[in-house]
């Protein structure tokens, strides 16, 4: 009997060890829930665009605000710059970089993204922040935390890409340190899935204005449809703040479409010039900087092709 008891002890010891590990994991999960994950409740990104005359390089400036309702800090911000299959391959000449190290990052990463992402420079960055292009075809800003209630400006990229509507995401610091080590749990794969799900859940996603490469085969009517689509989206996003102004834009753009369909490019150009005049008149009134950039620069590009 004593022999049997001695043989059983290692088994019971193993069971106790496993139970203790599972208990530790359960306690860790309870702690994570109790302290609430660093959710970004609301993050606002404000964009301005300026065209560098003479060499068709656009400068995109960004200001990021982490709302006071957020639990976490903003430690990374990303903007989509992926290209479509029929997009032009844009020149990198004239792109500017705030620091030699940032330029070195671009020279290292961009060859792997050739044909998949719009090339961008990083001429301006806040102190203690870095900008780079990711393998996922995104602009990535990362650096010192933006606390809830704080606003940080000074982010800038340059590109030959025209202003378009792009996805934006803000991320807090990595949350993996809120969980036990994979070595401490019986099911590491389940833990990894849980961390990945929570990592996605704490992000904040929105839309902003960023570079888009125009199509290789340019068709004026298709580009006008793109401009009309931008106008509709700008209204739904609150970037156009007056329905009457939106209706006036619609009328001019539809009239320009009719003239293009008839092959009367000169008449279409005159209508688009009037459209641009109205866009200028509504700048900082019923158009945010995002709507102004979308309508102005895409209309100018269309006129230049007529």
C-alpha atoms as a PDB file:
ATOM      1  CA  UNK A   1       0.000   0.000   0.000  1.00  0.00           C
ATOM      2  CA  UNK A   2       2.813   2.348   0.825  1.00  0.00           C
ATOM      3  CA  UNK A   3       4.388   1.508  -2.533  1.00  0.00           C
ATOM      4  CA  UNK A   4       1.199   2.369  -4.386  1.00  0.00           C
ATOM      5  CA  UNK A   5       0.937   5.657  -2.555  1.00  0.00           C
ATOM      6  CA  UNK A   6       4.513   6.531  -3.466  1.00  0.00           C
ATOM      7  CA  UNK A   7       3.846   5.738  -7.138  1.00  0.00           C
ATOM      8  CA  UNK A   8       0.753   7.941  -7.160  1.00  0.00           C
ATOM      9  CA  UNK A   9       2.443  10.993  -5.657  1.00  0.00           C
ATOM     10  CA  UNK A  10       4.097  12.246  -8.904  1.00  0.00           C
ATOM     11  CA  UNK A  11       0.745  12.032 -10.692  1.00  0.00           C
ATOM     12  CA  UNK A  12      -1.075  14.001  -8.001  1.00  0.00           C
ATOM     13  CA  UNK A  13       1.813  16.466  -7.923  1.00  0.00           C
ATOM     14  CA  UNK A  14       1.461  17.046 -11.668  1.00  0.00           C
ATOM     15  CA  UNK A  15      -2.282  17.547 -11.322  1.00  0.00           C
ATOM     16  CA  UNK A  16      -1.725  20.111  -8.577  1.00  0.00           C
ATOM     17  CA  UNK A  17       0.854  21.957 -10.718  1.00  0.00           C
ATOM     18  CA  UNK A  18      -1.509  22.095 -13.703  1.00  0.00           C
ATOM     19  CA  UNK A  19      -4.338  23.291 -11.483  1.00  0.00           C
ATOM     20  CA  UNK A  20      -2.174  26.038 -10.044  1.00  0.00           C
ATOM     21  CA  UNK A  21      -1.099  27.187 -13.543  1.00  0.00           C
ATOM     22  CA  UNK A  22      -4.729  27.280 -14.680  1.00  0.00           C
ATOM     23  CA  UNK A  23      -5.673  29.207 -11.570  1.00  0.00           C
ATOM     24  CA  UNK A  24      -2.911  31.730 -12.234  1.00  0.00           C
ATOM     25  CA  UNK A  25      -4.148  32.132 -15.825  1.00  0.00           C
ATOM     26  CA  UNK A  26      -7.725  32.614 -14.600  1.00  0.00           C
ATOM     27  CA  UNK A  27      -6.572  35.235 -12.096  1.00  0.00           C
ATOM     28  CA  UNK A  28      -4.656  37.067 -14.836  1.00  0.00           C
ATOM     29  CA  UNK A  29      -7.742  37.124 -17.066  1.00  0.00           C
ATOM     30  CA  UNK A  30      -9.808  38.474 -14.196  1.00  0.00           C
ATOM     31  CA  UNK A  31      -7.190  41.172 -13.636  1.00  0.00           C
ATOM     32  CA  UNK A  32      -7.318  42.183 -17.311  1.00  0.00           C
ATOM     33  CA  UNK A  33     -11.095  42.491 -17.196  1.00  0.00           C
ATOM     34  CA  UNK A  34     -10.983  44.347 -13.881  1.00  0.00           C
ATOM     35  CA  UNK A  35      -8.523  46.996 -15.051  1.00  0.00           C
ATOM     36  CA  UNK A  36     -10.265  47.462 -18.460  1.00  0.00           C
ATOM     37  CA  UNK A  37      -8.350  47.274 -21.690  1.00  0.00           C
ATOM     38  CA  UNK A  38      -6.902  50.554 -23.068  1.00  0.00           C
ATOM     39  CA  UNK A  39      -9.768  51.222 -25.484  1.00  0.00           C
ATOM     40  CA  UNK A  40      -9.462  54.267 -27.723  1.00  0.00           C
ATOM     41  CA  UNK A  41     -13.051  55.537 -27.513  1.00  0.00           C
ATOM     42  CA  UNK A  42     -12.578  58.369 -29.991  1.00  0.00           C
ATOM     43  CA  UNK A  43      -9.577  59.668 -31.920  1.00  0.00           C
ATOM     44  CA  UNK A  44      -9.884  62.578 -34.350  1.00  0.00           C
ATOM     45  CA  UNK A  45      -7.480  63.123 -37.238  1.00  0.00           C
ATOM     46  CA  UNK A  46      -7.605  66.470 -39.051  1.00  0.00           C
ATOM     47  CA  UNK A  47      -5.994  66.724 -42.494  1.00  0.00           C
ATOM     48  CA  UNK A  48      -4.858  69.659 -44.622  1.00  0.00           C
ATOM     49  CA  UNK A  49      -3.394  69.464 -48.131  1.00  0.00           C
ATOM     50  CA  UNK A  50      -1.214  71.927 -50.011  1.00  0.00           C
ATOM     51  CA  UNK A  51       0.144  71.643 -53.534  1.00  0.00           C
ATOM     52  CA  UNK A  52       3.769  72.519 -54.148  1.00  0.00           C
ATOM     53  CA  UNK A  53       3.556  74.558 -57.355  1.00  0.00           C
ATOM     54  CA  UNK A  54       5.719  73.526 -60.270  1.00  0.00           C
ATOM     55  CA  UNK A  55       6.445  69.897 -59.402  1.00  0.00           C
ATOM     56  CA  UNK A  56       2.990  68.496 -58.485  1.00  0.00           C
ATOM     57  CA  UNK A  57       3.955  67.375 -54.994  1.00  0.00           C
ATOM     58  CA  UNK A  58       1.225  67.475 -52.359  1.00  0.00           C
ATOM     59  CA  UNK A  59       1.970  68.015 -48.692  1.00  0.00           C
ATOM     60  CA  UNK A  60      -0.474  66.321 -46.326  1.00  0.00           C
ATOM     61  CA  UNK A  61      -0.490  67.669 -42.776  1.00  0.00           C
ATOM     62  CA  UNK A  62      -2.183  65.872 -39.878  1.00  0.00           C
ATOM     63  CA  UNK A  63      -3.243  66.736 -36.365  1.00  0.00           C
ATOM     64  CA  UNK A  64      -4.314  63.902 -34.039  1.00  0.00           C
ATOM     65  CA  UNK A  65      -6.519  64.309 -30.981  1.00  0.00           C
ATOM     66  CA  UNK A  66      -7.087  61.551 -28.425  1.00  0.00           C
ATOM     67  CA  UNK A  67     -10.467  62.248 -26.862  1.00  0.00           C
ATOM     68  CA  UNK A  68     -10.744  62.455 -23.085  1.00  0.00           C
ATOM     69  CA  UNK A  69     -13.210  59.542 -23.200  1.00  0.00           C
ATOM     70  CA  UNK A  70     -10.421  57.170 -24.275  1.00  0.00           C
ATOM     71  CA  UNK A  71      -8.946  54.772 -21.749  1.00  0.00           C
ATOM     72  CA  UNK A  72      -5.664  54.243 -23.578  1.00  0.00           C
ATOM     73  CA  UNK A  73      -2.989  56.430 -25.131  1.00  0.00           C
ATOM     74  CA  UNK A  74      -2.332  56.754 -28.867  1.00  0.00           C
ATOM     75  CA  UNK A  75       1.058  55.226 -29.551  1.00  0.00           C
ATOM     76  CA  UNK A  76       0.687  54.502 -33.272  1.00  0.00           C
ATOM     77  CA  UNK A  77      -1.376  55.920 -36.132  1.00  0.00           C
ATOM     78  CA  UNK A  78      -1.666  54.309 -39.557  1.00  0.00           C
ATOM     79  CA  UNK A  79      -3.122  55.491 -42.883  1.00  0.00           C
ATOM     80  CA  UNK A  80      -3.810  53.281 -45.898  1.00  0.00           C
ATOM     81  CA  UNK A  81      -1.797  54.114 -49.044  1.00  0.00           C
ATOM     82  CA  UNK A  82      -2.330  50.901 -51.049  1.00  0.00           C
ATOM     83  CA  UNK A  83      -2.707  51.215 -54.827  1.00  0.00           C
ATOM     84  CA  UNK A  84      -5.244  49.701 -57.209  1.00  0.00           C
ATOM     85  CA  UNK A  85      -4.136  47.344 -59.987  1.00  0.00           C
ATOM     86  CA  UNK A  86      -4.433  49.955 -62.755  1.00  0.00           C
ATOM     87  CA  UNK A  87      -2.736  52.763 -60.812  1.00  0.00           C
ATOM     88  CA  UNK A  88       0.109  54.888 -62.137  1.00  0.00           C
ATOM     89  CA  UNK A  89       3.579  54.227 -60.756  1.00  0.00           C
ATOM     90  CA  UNK A  90       4.363  57.585 -59.176  1.00  0.00           C
ATOM     91  CA  UNK A  91       7.778  59.231 -59.156  1.00  0.00           C
ATOM     92  CA  UNK A  92       9.672  59.516 -55.867  1.00  0.00           C
ATOM     93  CA  UNK A  93      11.696  62.551 -56.993  1.00  0.00           C
ATOM     94  CA  UNK A  94      11.197  65.538 -54.722  1.00  0.00           C
ATOM     95  CA  UNK A  95       9.890  63.651 -51.697  1.00  0.00           C
ATOM     96  CA  UNK A  96      11.250  65.164 -48.494  1.00  0.00           C
ATOM     97  CA  UNK A  97      12.326  63.617 -45.211  1.00  0.00           C
ATOM     98  CA  UNK A  98      12.659  65.216 -41.794  1.00  0.00           C
ATOM     99  CA  UNK A  99      15.750  63.223 -40.789  1.00  0.00           C
ATOM    100  CA  UNK A 100      18.378  61.053 -42.529  1.00  0.00           C
ATOM    101  CA  UNK A 101      17.185  58.023 -40.553  1.00  0.00           C
ATOM    102  CA  UNK A 102      13.621  58.467 -41.863  1.00  0.00           C
ATOM    103  CA  UNK A 103      14.951  58.646 -45.431  1.00  0.00           C
ATOM    104  CA  UNK A 104      16.963  55.468 -44.826  1.00  0.00           C
ATOM    105  CA  UNK A 105      13.781  53.698 -43.667  1.00  0.00           C
ATOM    106  CA  UNK A 106      12.044  54.780 -46.877  1.00  0.00           C
ATOM    107  CA  UNK A 107      14.921  53.610 -49.082  1.00  0.00           C
ATOM    108  CA  UNK A 108      14.878  50.251 -47.285  1.00  0.00           C
ATOM    109  CA  UNK A 109      11.124  49.665 -47.307  1.00  0.00           C
ATOM    110  CA  UNK A 110       9.841  51.181 -50.554  1.00  0.00           C
ATOM    111  CA  UNK A 111      11.488  48.712 -53.013  1.00  0.00           C
ATOM    112  CA  UNK A 112       9.451  45.941 -51.361  1.00  0.00           C
ATOM    113  CA  UNK A 113       6.282  48.020 -51.862  1.00  0.00           C
ATOM    114  CA  UNK A 114       6.900  49.059 -55.467  1.00  0.00           C
ATOM    115  CA  UNK A 115       3.586  48.950 -57.313  1.00  0.00           C
ATOM    116  CA  UNK A 116       1.665  48.176 -54.115  1.00  0.00           C
ATOM    117  CA  UNK A 117       1.789  51.502 -52.264  1.00  0.00           C
ATOM    118  CA  UNK A 118       1.862  55.198 -53.100  1.00  0.00           C
ATOM    119  CA  UNK A 119       5.407  56.460 -52.335  1.00  0.00           C
ATOM    120  CA  UNK A 120       5.457  59.115 -49.618  1.00  0.00           C
ATOM    121  CA  UNK A 121       8.092  61.228 -47.897  1.00  0.00           C
ATOM    122  CA  UNK A 122       8.061  62.324 -44.272  1.00  0.00           C
ATOM    123  CA  UNK A 123       9.053  66.020 -44.173  1.00  0.00           C
ATOM    124  CA  UNK A 124       7.626  66.716 -40.728  1.00  0.00           C
ATOM    125  CA  UNK A 125       7.249  64.743 -37.510  1.00  0.00           C
ATOM    126  CA  UNK A 126       6.628  65.708 -33.878  1.00  0.00           C
ATOM    127  CA  UNK A 127       9.566  65.244 -31.499  1.00  0.00           C
ATOM    128  CA  UNK A 128      10.138  61.607 -30.462  1.00  0.00           C
ATOM    129  CA  UNK A 129       8.011  60.286 -33.352  1.00  0.00           C
ATOM    130  CA  UNK A 130       9.054  58.208 -36.378  1.00  0.00           C
ATOM    131  CA  UNK A 131       7.343  57.808 -39.745  1.00  0.00           C
ATOM    132  CA  UNK A 132       7.679  54.883 -42.141  1.00  0.00           C
ATOM    133  CA  UNK A 133       5.910  52.815 -44.802  1.00  0.00           C
ATOM    134  CA  UNK A 134       4.813  49.369 -43.617  1.00  0.00           C
ATOM    135  CA  UNK A 135       4.723  46.085 -45.514  1.00  0.00           C
ATOM    136  CA  UNK A 136       0.943  46.339 -45.268  1.00  0.00           C
ATOM    137  CA  UNK A 137       1.058  49.408 -47.585  1.00  0.00           C
ATOM    138  CA  UNK A 138       0.343  51.926 -44.853  1.00  0.00           C
ATOM    139  CA  UNK A 139       1.874  55.109 -43.516  1.00  0.00           C
ATOM    140  CA  UNK A 140       2.835  54.454 -39.913  1.00  0.00           C
ATOM    141  CA  UNK A 141       3.522  57.126 -37.293  1.00  0.00           C
ATOM    142  CA  UNK A 142       4.729  55.840 -33.929  1.00  0.00           C
ATOM    143  CA  UNK A 143       6.336  57.434 -30.904  1.00  0.00           C
ATOM    144  CA  UNK A 144       5.640  59.090 -27.578  1.00  0.00           C
ATOM    145  CA  UNK A 145       2.128  58.522 -26.255  1.00  0.00           C
ATOM    146  CA  UNK A 146      -0.748  60.940 -26.898  1.00  0.00           C
ATOM    147  CA  UNK A 147      -2.648  60.910 -23.628  1.00  0.00           C
ATOM    148  CA  UNK A 148      -6.471  61.090 -23.405  1.00  0.00           C
ATOM    149  CA  UNK A 149      -7.521  64.724 -23.867  1.00  0.00           C
ATOM    150  CA  UNK A 150      -4.284  65.663 -25.684  1.00  0.00           C
ATOM    151  CA  UNK A 151      -3.742  66.853 -29.269  1.00  0.00           C
ATOM    152  CA  UNK A 152      -0.527  66.454 -31.228  1.00  0.00           C
ATOM    153  CA  UNK A 153       0.247  68.133 -34.546  1.00  0.00           C
ATOM    154  CA  UNK A 154       3.254  68.271 -36.845  1.00  0.00           C
ATOM    155  CA  UNK A 155       2.693  65.014 -38.762  1.00  0.00           C
ATOM    156  CA  UNK A 156       3.290  65.468 -42.494  1.00  0.00           C
ATOM    157  CA  UNK A 157       3.834  63.395 -45.612  1.00  0.00           C
ATOM    158  CA  UNK A 158       4.633  64.432 -49.188  1.00  0.00           C
ATOM    159  CA  UNK A 159       3.458  62.599 -52.291  1.00  0.00           C
ATOM    160  CA  UNK A 160       2.602  62.961 -55.950  1.00  0.00           C
ATOM    161  CA  UNK A 161      -0.624  61.113 -55.186  1.00  0.00           C
ATOM    162  CA  UNK A 162      -3.894  63.058 -55.375  1.00  0.00           C
ATOM    163  CA  UNK A 163      -6.108  63.523 -52.299  1.00  0.00           C
ATOM    164  CA  UNK A 164      -8.478  60.617 -51.767  1.00  0.00           C
ATOM    165  CA  UNK A 165     -10.519  59.161 -48.914  1.00  0.00           C
ATOM    166  CA  UNK A 166      -8.456  56.651 -46.960  1.00  0.00           C
ATOM    167  CA  UNK A 167      -8.839  54.483 -43.860  1.00  0.00           C
ATOM    168  CA  UNK A 168      -7.116  55.576 -40.644  1.00  0.00           C
ATOM    169  CA  UNK A 169      -6.468  53.679 -37.426  1.00  0.00           C
ATOM    170  CA  UNK A 170      -5.074  54.647 -34.041  1.00  0.00           C
ATOM    171  CA  UNK A 171      -3.574  52.125 -31.634  1.00  0.00           C
ATOM    172  CA  UNK A 172      -2.611  52.179 -27.948  1.00  0.00           C
ATOM    173  CA  UNK A 173       0.532  50.581 -26.561  1.00  0.00           C
ATOM    174  CA  UNK A 174       0.821  46.822 -27.035  1.00  0.00           C
ATOM    175  CA  UNK A 175      -1.467  44.989 -24.627  1.00  0.00           C
ATOM    176  CA  UNK A 176       0.346  41.645 -24.543  1.00  0.00           C
ATOM    177  CA  UNK A 177       1.956  42.464 -21.186  1.00  0.00           C
ATOM    178  CA  UNK A 178      -1.528  42.455 -19.615  1.00  0.00           C
ATOM    179  CA  UNK A 179      -1.704  38.684 -20.103  1.00  0.00           C
ATOM    180  CA  UNK A 180       0.291  35.757 -18.764  1.00  0.00           C
ATOM    181  CA  UNK A 181       3.263  34.426 -20.699  1.00  0.00           C
ATOM    182  CA  UNK A 182       2.483  31.591 -23.145  1.00  0.00           C
ATOM    183  CA  UNK A 183       4.778  29.393 -21.031  1.00  0.00           C
ATOM    184  CA  UNK A 184       2.436  29.843 -18.079  1.00  0.00           C
ATOM    185  CA  UNK A 185      -0.758  28.555 -19.696  1.00  0.00           C
ATOM    186  CA  UNK A 186      -1.942  25.152 -20.870  1.00  0.00           C
ATOM    187  CA  UNK A 187      -3.323  26.466 -24.201  1.00  0.00           C
ATOM    188  CA  UNK A 188      -0.948  29.080 -25.711  1.00  0.00           C
ATOM    189  CA  UNK A 189      -2.836  29.150 -29.024  1.00  0.00           C
ATOM    190  CA  UNK A 190      -6.049  30.150 -27.296  1.00  0.00           C
ATOM    191  CA  UNK A 191      -4.204  32.866 -25.393  1.00  0.00           C
ATOM    192  CA  UNK A 192      -2.661  34.193 -28.625  1.00  0.00           C
ATOM    193  CA  UNK A 193      -6.089  34.366 -30.307  1.00  0.00           C
ATOM    194  CA  UNK A 194      -7.528  36.194 -27.315  1.00  0.00           C
ATOM    195  CA  UNK A 195      -4.707  38.754 -27.368  1.00  0.00           C
ATOM    196  CA  UNK A 196      -5.104  39.304 -31.123  1.00  0.00           C
ATOM    197  CA  UNK A 197      -8.858  39.844 -30.743  1.00  0.00           C
ATOM    198  CA  UNK A 198      -8.380  42.325 -27.909  1.00  0.00           C
ATOM    199  CA  UNK A 199      -5.576  44.095 -29.788  1.00  0.00           C
ATOM    200  CA  UNK A 200      -8.020  44.761 -32.640  1.00  0.00           C
ATOM    201  CA  UNK A 201     -10.838  45.708 -30.277  1.00  0.00           C
ATOM    202  CA  UNK A 202      -8.936  48.530 -28.553  1.00  0.00           C
ATOM    203  CA  UNK A 203      -8.091  50.319 -31.836  1.00  0.00           C
ATOM    204  CA  UNK A 204     -10.022  53.293 -33.203  1.00  0.00           C
ATOM    205  CA  UNK A 205     -10.822  53.454 -36.928  1.00  0.00           C
ATOM    206  CA  UNK A 206     -11.966  56.357 -39.072  1.00  0.00           C
ATOM    207  CA  UNK A 207     -11.491  57.956 -42.502  1.00  0.00           C
ATOM    208  CA  UNK A 208      -9.180  60.771 -43.552  1.00  0.00           C
ATOM    209  CA  UNK A 209      -7.622  62.297 -46.678  1.00  0.00           C
ATOM    210  CA  UNK A 210      -4.381  60.794 -47.984  1.00  0.00           C
ATOM    211  CA  UNK A 211      -2.605  60.165 -51.323  1.00  0.00           C
ATOM    212  CA  UNK A 212      -4.181  58.085 -54.084  1.00  0.00           C
ATOM    213  CA  UNK A 213      -2.434  57.189 -57.348  1.00  0.00           C
ATOM    214  CA  UNK A 214      -4.528  58.100 -60.418  1.00  0.00           C
ATOM    215  CA  UNK A 215      -5.307  55.381 -62.975  1.00  0.00           C
ATOM    216  CA  UNK A 216      -2.935  54.622 -65.821  1.00  0.00           C
ATOM    217  CA  UNK A 217      -5.724  54.834 -68.408  1.00  0.00           C
ATOM    218  CA  UNK A 218      -7.360  58.182 -67.671  1.00  0.00           C
ATOM    219  CA  UNK A 219     -11.001  58.642 -68.722  1.00  0.00           C
ATOM    220  CA  UNK A 220     -12.519  62.092 -67.983  1.00  0.00           C
ATOM    221  CA  UNK A 221     -16.043  60.795 -67.303  1.00  0.00           C
ATOM    222  CA  UNK A 222     -14.775  58.118 -64.906  1.00  0.00           C
ATOM    223  CA  UNK A 223     -12.644  60.671 -63.069  1.00  0.00           C
ATOM    224  CA  UNK A 224     -15.675  62.974 -62.851  1.00  0.00           C
ATOM    225  CA  UNK A 225     -17.615  60.080 -61.307  1.00  0.00           C
ATOM    226  CA  UNK A 226     -14.792  59.767 -58.756  1.00  0.00           C
ATOM    227  CA  UNK A 227     -15.078  63.485 -57.978  1.00  0.00           C
ATOM    228  CA  UNK A 228     -18.857  63.150 -57.564  1.00  0.00           C
ATOM    229  CA  UNK A 229     -18.335  60.174 -55.255  1.00  0.00           C
ATOM    230  CA  UNK A 230     -15.898  62.189 -53.140  1.00  0.00           C
ATOM    231  CA  UNK A 231     -18.494  64.952 -52.875  1.00  0.00           C
ATOM    232  CA  UNK A 232     -21.189  62.503 -51.674  1.00  0.00           C
ATOM    233  CA  UNK A 233     -18.836  60.911 -49.130  1.00  0.00           C
ATOM    234  CA  UNK A 234     -17.640  64.311 -47.896  1.00  0.00           C
ATOM    235  CA  UNK A 235     -21.247  65.287 -47.219  1.00  0.00           C
ATOM    236  CA  UNK A 236     -22.003  62.055 -45.337  1.00  0.00           C
ATOM    237  CA  UNK A 237     -18.803  62.441 -43.281  1.00  0.00           C
ATOM    238  CA  UNK A 238     -19.705  65.994 -42.250  1.00  0.00           C
ATOM    239  CA  UNK A 239     -16.899  67.567 -44.265  1.00  0.00           C
ATOM    240  CA  UNK A 240     -19.513  69.529 -46.244  1.00  0.00           C
ATOM    241  CA  UNK A 241     -21.712  71.201 -43.678  1.00  0.00           C
ATOM    242  CA  UNK A 242     -24.458  72.753 -45.814  1.00  0.00           C
ATOM    243  CA  UNK A 243     -26.926  70.789 -47.925  1.00  0.00           C
ATOM    244  CA  UNK A 244     -27.626  73.761 -50.204  1.00  0.00           C
ATOM    245  CA  UNK A 245     -23.945  74.047 -51.078  1.00  0.00           C
ATOM    246  CA  UNK A 246     -23.820  70.289 -51.721  1.00  0.00           C
ATOM    247  CA  UNK A 247     -26.813  70.599 -54.063  1.00  0.00           C
ATOM    248  CA  UNK A 248     -25.109  73.422 -55.955  1.00  0.00           C
ATOM    249  CA  UNK A 249     -21.988  71.277 -56.367  1.00  0.00           C
ATOM    250  CA  UNK A 250     -24.139  68.410 -57.648  1.00  0.00           C
ATOM    251  CA  UNK A 251     -25.768  70.578 -60.276  1.00  0.00           C
ATOM    252  CA  UNK A 252     -22.445  71.827 -61.653  1.00  0.00           C
ATOM    253  CA  UNK A 253     -20.864  68.384 -61.682  1.00  0.00           C
ATOM    254  CA  UNK A 254     -23.861  66.794 -63.406  1.00  0.00           C
ATOM    255  CA  UNK A 255     -23.832  69.549 -66.050  1.00  0.00           C
ATOM    256  CA  UNK A 256     -20.112  68.941 -66.584  1.00  0.00           C
ATOM    257  CA  UNK A 257     -20.823  65.226 -67.025  1.00  0.00           C
ATOM    258  CA  UNK A 258     -23.410  65.942 -69.729  1.00  0.00           C
ATOM    259  CA  UNK A 259     -20.953  68.118 -71.642  1.00  0.00           C
ATOM    260  CA  UNK A 260     -18.230  65.468 -71.424  1.00  0.00           C
ATOM    261  CA  UNK A 261     -20.642  62.815 -72.702  1.00  0.00           C
ATOM    262  CA  UNK A 262     -21.377  65.059 -75.683  1.00  0.00           C
ATOM    263  CA  UNK A 263     -17.650  65.477 -76.325  1.00  0.00           C
ATOM    264  CA  UNK A 264     -17.817  69.194 -75.507  1.00  0.00           C
ATOM    265  CA  UNK A 265     -14.700  69.439 -73.361  1.00  0.00           C
ATOM    266  CA  UNK A 266     -14.482  73.228 -73.539  1.00  0.00           C
ATOM    267  CA  UNK A 267     -17.973  73.681 -72.062  1.00  0.00           C
ATOM    268  CA  UNK A 268     -17.200  71.065 -69.406  1.00  0.00           C
ATOM    269  CA  UNK A 269     -14.016  72.920 -68.504  1.00  0.00           C
ATOM    270  CA  UNK A 270     -15.929  76.206 -68.094  1.00  0.00           C
ATOM    271  CA  UNK A 271     -18.422  74.521 -65.761  1.00  0.00           C
ATOM    272  CA  UNK A 272     -15.614  72.968 -63.726  1.00  0.00           C
ATOM    273  CA  UNK A 273     -13.926  76.382 -63.459  1.00  0.00           C
ATOM    274  CA  UNK A 274     -17.162  77.729 -61.970  1.00  0.00           C
ATOM    275  CA  UNK A 275     -17.229  74.727 -59.632  1.00  0.00           C
ATOM    276  CA  UNK A 276     -13.708  75.552 -58.463  1.00  0.00           C
ATOM    277  CA  UNK A 277     -14.660  79.162 -57.837  1.00  0.00           C
ATOM    278  CA  UNK A 278     -17.489  77.997 -55.584  1.00  0.00           C
ATOM    279  CA  UNK A 279     -15.174  75.593 -53.761  1.00  0.00           C
ATOM    280  CA  UNK A 280     -12.763  78.482 -53.076  1.00  0.00           C
ATOM    281  CA  UNK A 281     -15.625  80.662 -51.851  1.00  0.00           C
ATOM    282  CA  UNK A 282     -16.774  77.986 -49.364  1.00  0.00           C
ATOM    283  CA  UNK A 283     -13.323  77.191 -47.980  1.00  0.00           C
ATOM    284  CA  UNK A 284     -13.368  77.335 -44.152  1.00  0.00           C
ATOM    285  CA  UNK A 285     -17.083  78.189 -44.300  1.00  0.00           C
ATOM    286  CA  UNK A 286     -19.103  75.155 -45.301  1.00  0.00           C
ATOM    287  CA  UNK A 287     -16.110  73.033 -46.324  1.00  0.00           C
ATOM    288  CA  UNK A 288     -13.631  71.499 -43.933  1.00  0.00           C
ATOM    289  CA  UNK A 289     -10.008  71.263 -45.018  1.00  0.00           C
ATOM    290  CA  UNK A 290     -10.639  67.636 -46.022  1.00  0.00           C
ATOM    291  CA  UNK A 291     -13.558  68.485 -48.344  1.00  0.00           C
ATOM    292  CA  UNK A 292     -11.679  71.436 -49.799  1.00  0.00           C
ATOM    293  CA  UNK A 293      -8.664  69.275 -50.695  1.00  0.00           C
ATOM    294  CA  UNK A 294     -10.767  66.507 -52.244  1.00  0.00           C
ATOM    295  CA  UNK A 295     -12.848  68.812 -54.425  1.00  0.00           C
ATOM    296  CA  UNK A 296     -10.220  71.366 -55.387  1.00  0.00           C
ATOM    297  CA  UNK A 297      -7.285  69.191 -56.367  1.00  0.00           C
ATOM    298  CA  UNK A 298      -9.253  66.441 -58.079  1.00  0.00           C
ATOM    299  CA  UNK A 299     -11.208  68.998 -60.117  1.00  0.00           C
ATOM    300  CA  UNK A 300      -7.970  70.733 -61.087  1.00  0.00           C
ATOM    301  CA  UNK A 301      -6.479  67.408 -62.176  1.00  0.00           C
ATOM    302  CA  UNK A 302      -9.539  66.714 -64.340  1.00  0.00           C
ATOM    303  CA  UNK A 303      -9.355  70.164 -65.955  1.00  0.00           C
ATOM    304  CA  UNK A 304      -5.677  69.657 -66.733  1.00  0.00           C
ATOM    305  CA  UNK A 305      -6.553  66.512 -68.690  1.00  0.00           C
ATOM    306  CA  UNK A 306      -9.284  68.117 -70.846  1.00  0.00           C
END
